[in-house]
C-alpha cells in the first residue's frame, strides 16, 4: 500500500509539472505579506502617542548569498498637543529565510536593519527618539511571523509542503528543496 501511495504521489507530481523546480517568487512573497501580515502600533493616549501601520512591502531575494531583503513603508502619526505630525518611514531589513517543515512556513532570522529613509526629511530628527522602540517592534514582528505559508488546503501545495525539507535563496525566488 505504501508503494502504491508513493507511486501515485510521484505520478501526480510529475503530471503537475517539474516539481523539483517549485519556487516562491518575490511577487508571491510580497502578495502574501500584504494580505496576511497586518502590523499596526498604537501607543499612548488621545493627547500623546504614536500610531504606525505598514502600507507597502517589497521583497528582494538573492541580492546577497542566502539573503532576503524586506523593505516596509510605514505611515507614522505622532500625537502631541504642541506639534503633531505625520510622516512616512521606509525601513529596509536583510535576513536569512528558513523553512519550518512542521508548519510549512518560511520565517526570517538574523534580521538586520540596513537603511531607514523618511519623508519629510526633518522627520529623521524626530524619529531618532522613537527609532529603537520602533525597530524592536518591527524586528520582533518580522522574526516571529511567517513571511510565507504553503497552502495545505490546495492539493498541489499540500503535497509540495509535505515533501519540502528546506529552501534555498536564488535571485528573485526561494527554491523549495525536497531532499535533506
Protein backbone atom coordinates (compact mmCIF):
# COMPACT_ATOMS: atom_id res chain seq x y z
CA UNK A 1 0.00 0.00 0.00
CA UNK A 2 2.88 2.37 0.81
CA UNK A 3 4.46 1.71 -2.57
CA UNK A 4 1.16 2.43 -4.34
CA UNK A 5 0.73 5.67 -2.38
CA UNK A 6 4.28 6.74 -3.15
CA UNK A 7 3.87 5.87 -6.83
CA UNK A 8 0.61 7.81 -7.09
CA UNK A 9 2.21 10.80 -5.38
CA UNK A 10 5.16 10.68 -7.74
CA UNK A 11 2.92 10.42 -10.83
CA UNK A 12 0.72 13.27 -9.58
CA UNK A 13 3.75 15.46 -9.03
CA UNK A 14 5.19 14.55 -12.41
CA UNK A 15 1.91 15.40 -14.13
CA UNK A 16 1.60 18.76 -12.40
CA UNK A 17 4.95 19.91 -13.70
CA UNK A 18 8.54 19.67 -12.79
CA UNK A 19 8.02 19.83 -9.05
CA UNK A 20 11.73 19.78 -8.29
CA UNK A 21 11.75 23.31 -9.67
CA UNK A 22 8.94 24.62 -7.48
CA UNK A 23 9.78 28.03 -6.09
CA UNK A 24 8.25 31.06 -4.40
CA UNK A 25 8.81 34.34 -6.24
CA UNK A 26 9.39 37.82 -4.84
CA UNK A 27 5.89 38.84 -6.04
CA UNK A 28 4.29 35.86 -4.27
CA UNK A 29 6.06 36.82 -1.05
CA UNK A 30 5.01 40.48 -1.40
CA UNK A 31 1.39 39.47 -2.08
CA UNK A 32 1.36 37.11 0.90
CA UNK A 33 2.88 39.69 3.23
CA UNK A 34 0.49 42.41 2.04
CA UNK A 35 -2.57 40.19 2.54
CA UNK A 36 -1.64 38.25 5.66
CA UNK A 37 0.51 40.48 7.82
CA UNK A 38 -1.15 43.44 9.41
CA UNK A 39 1.34 45.34 11.51
CA UNK A 40 -0.01 48.23 13.50
CA UNK A 41 1.21 50.04 16.62
CA UNK A 42 -0.96 52.33 18.69
CA UNK A 43 0.64 53.64 21.85
CA UNK A 44 -0.18 56.45 24.19
CA UNK A 45 -3.44 58.26 24.80
CA UNK A 46 -5.52 60.81 22.86
CA UNK A 47 -3.07 63.65 23.57
CA UNK A 48 0.32 61.96 23.40
CA UNK A 49 1.19 58.88 21.41
CA UNK A 50 2.23 57.25 18.21
CA UNK A 51 0.25 55.36 15.56
CA UNK A 52 2.01 53.36 12.90
CA UNK A 53 0.96 50.94 10.20
CA UNK A 54 2.71 49.32 7.27
CA UNK A 55 1.15 50.10 3.91
CA UNK A 56 3.71 48.75 1.42
CA UNK A 57 6.13 45.81 1.47
CA UNK A 58 8.78 44.98 -1.10
CA UNK A 59 10.92 41.84 -1.20
CA UNK A 60 14.25 41.24 -2.93
CA UNK A 61 15.74 37.74 -3.00
CA UNK A 62 19.30 36.71 -3.68
CA UNK A 63 20.92 40.12 -4.00
CA UNK A 64 23.37 38.68 -1.45
CA UNK A 65 24.04 34.99 -0.77
CA UNK A 66 21.23 33.33 1.25
CA UNK A 67 19.66 36.72 1.92
CA UNK A 68 16.20 38.20 1.64
CA UNK A 69 15.70 41.96 1.84
CA UNK A 70 12.37 43.32 3.06
CA UNK A 71 11.50 46.99 2.69
CA UNK A 72 8.49 48.20 4.58
CA UNK A 73 6.98 51.64 4.09
CA UNK A 74 5.10 52.82 7.15
CA UNK A 75 2.88 55.77 7.88
CA UNK A 76 3.62 57.22 11.31
CA UNK A 77 1.47 59.71 13.17
CA UNK A 78 2.83 61.32 16.31
CA UNK A 79 0.22 62.87 18.58
CA UNK A 80 1.14 65.70 20.90
CA UNK A 81 -0.63 68.99 21.61
CA UNK A 82 2.34 71.19 20.66
CA UNK A 83 3.49 69.73 17.37
CA UNK A 84 1.62 66.73 15.95
CA UNK A 85 2.95 65.40 12.68
CA UNK A 86 2.65 62.62 10.14
CA UNK A 87 5.46 61.09 8.12
CA UNK A 88 6.45 58.12 6.00
CA UNK A 89 9.27 55.86 7.07
CA UNK A 90 10.89 53.24 4.86
CA UNK A 91 12.91 50.63 6.72
CA UNK A 92 14.92 48.01 4.86
CA UNK A 93 15.93 44.81 6.61
CA UNK A 94 18.06 41.90 5.48
CA UNK A 95 17.59 38.43 6.89
CA UNK A 96 18.21 34.76 6.28
CA UNK A 97 14.98 32.95 5.33
CA UNK A 98 14.46 29.41 6.60
CA UNK A 99 11.75 26.79 6.13
CA UNK A 100 9.90 25.22 9.06
CA UNK A 101 8.72 21.85 7.74
CA UNK A 102 6.39 21.29 10.72
CA UNK A 103 4.07 24.16 9.77
CA UNK A 104 5.11 24.53 6.10
CA UNK A 105 6.18 28.14 6.59
CA UNK A 106 9.06 30.42 5.67
CA UNK A 107 10.47 32.54 8.51
CA UNK A 108 13.26 35.09 8.82
CA UNK A 109 16.22 35.00 11.21
CA UNK A 110 19.27 37.17 11.81
CA UNK A 111 17.26 40.26 10.92
CA UNK A 112 19.42 43.36 10.44
CA UNK A 113 18.30 46.91 9.82
CA UNK A 114 20.11 48.13 6.69
CA UNK A 115 18.57 51.51 5.93
CA UNK A 116 15.97 53.99 7.13
CA UNK A 117 14.58 56.78 4.95
CA UNK A 118 11.91 59.26 5.95
CA UNK A 119 9.67 61.81 4.35
CA UNK A 120 9.69 64.68 5.19
CA UNK A 121 13.44 64.72 5.76
CA UNK A 122 13.23 66.67 9.01
CA UNK A 123 11.37 63.68 10.43
CA UNK A 124 14.78 61.99 10.80
CA UNK A 125 15.49 64.05 13.92
CA UNK A 126 12.11 63.31 15.48
CA UNK A 127 12.21 59.59 14.71
CA UNK A 128 15.55 59.14 16.48
CA UNK A 129 13.82 59.15 19.87
CA UNK A 130 11.26 56.54 18.70
CA UNK A 131 13.65 54.58 16.48
CA UNK A 132 14.98 51.95 18.94
CA UNK A 133 11.48 51.01 20.15
CA UNK A 134 10.07 51.05 16.63
CA UNK A 135 12.85 48.85 15.28
CA UNK A 136 12.42 46.39 18.18
CA UNK A 137 8.72 46.09 17.33
CA UNK A 138 9.41 45.57 13.62
CA UNK A 139 12.26 43.12 14.23
CA UNK A 140 10.28 41.04 16.72
CA UNK A 141 7.26 41.07 14.43
CA UNK A 142 9.19 40.01 11.31
CA UNK A 143 11.12 37.27 13.15
CA UNK A 144 8.05 35.68 14.74
CA UNK A 145 5.54 35.79 11.86
CA UNK A 146 5.89 33.57 8.80
CA UNK A 147 6.63 35.51 5.63
CA UNK A 148 5.02 32.76 3.54
CA UNK A 149 2.93 29.66 4.28
CA UNK A 150 2.27 26.91 1.75
CA UNK A 151 -1.49 26.41 1.36
CA UNK A 152 -2.13 22.85 2.52
CA UNK A 153 -5.80 23.17 1.53
CA UNK A 154 -4.73 23.25 -2.13
CA UNK A 155 -3.77 19.72 -3.25
CA UNK A 156 -0.59 20.52 -5.19
CA UNK A 157 0.79 22.80 -2.48
CA UNK A 158 -0.18 20.31 0.23
CA UNK A 159 1.89 17.61 -1.46
CA UNK A 160 4.77 20.00 -2.04
CA UNK A 161 4.56 21.16 1.59
CA UNK A 162 4.95 17.58 2.82
CA UNK A 163 7.96 16.96 0.58
CA UNK A 164 9.84 20.23 1.22
CA UNK A 165 12.71 19.93 3.67
CA UNK A 166 14.44 23.29 3.24
CA UNK A 167 14.70 26.33 0.99
CA UNK A 168 17.49 27.89 -0.99
CA UNK A 169 17.66 31.59 -1.85
CA UNK A 170 18.23 32.32 -5.53
CA UNK A 171 17.99 35.64 -7.36
CA UNK A 172 14.28 36.51 -7.49
CA UNK A 173 12.96 33.34 -5.82
CA UNK A 174 13.07 30.87 -2.95
CA UNK A 175 13.72 27.40 -4.32
CA UNK A 176 11.99 24.60 -2.39
CA UNK A 177 14.34 21.64 -1.81
CA UNK A 178 12.90 18.17 -1.24
CA UNK A 179 15.97 16.24 -0.06
CA UNK A 180 17.92 16.70 3.16
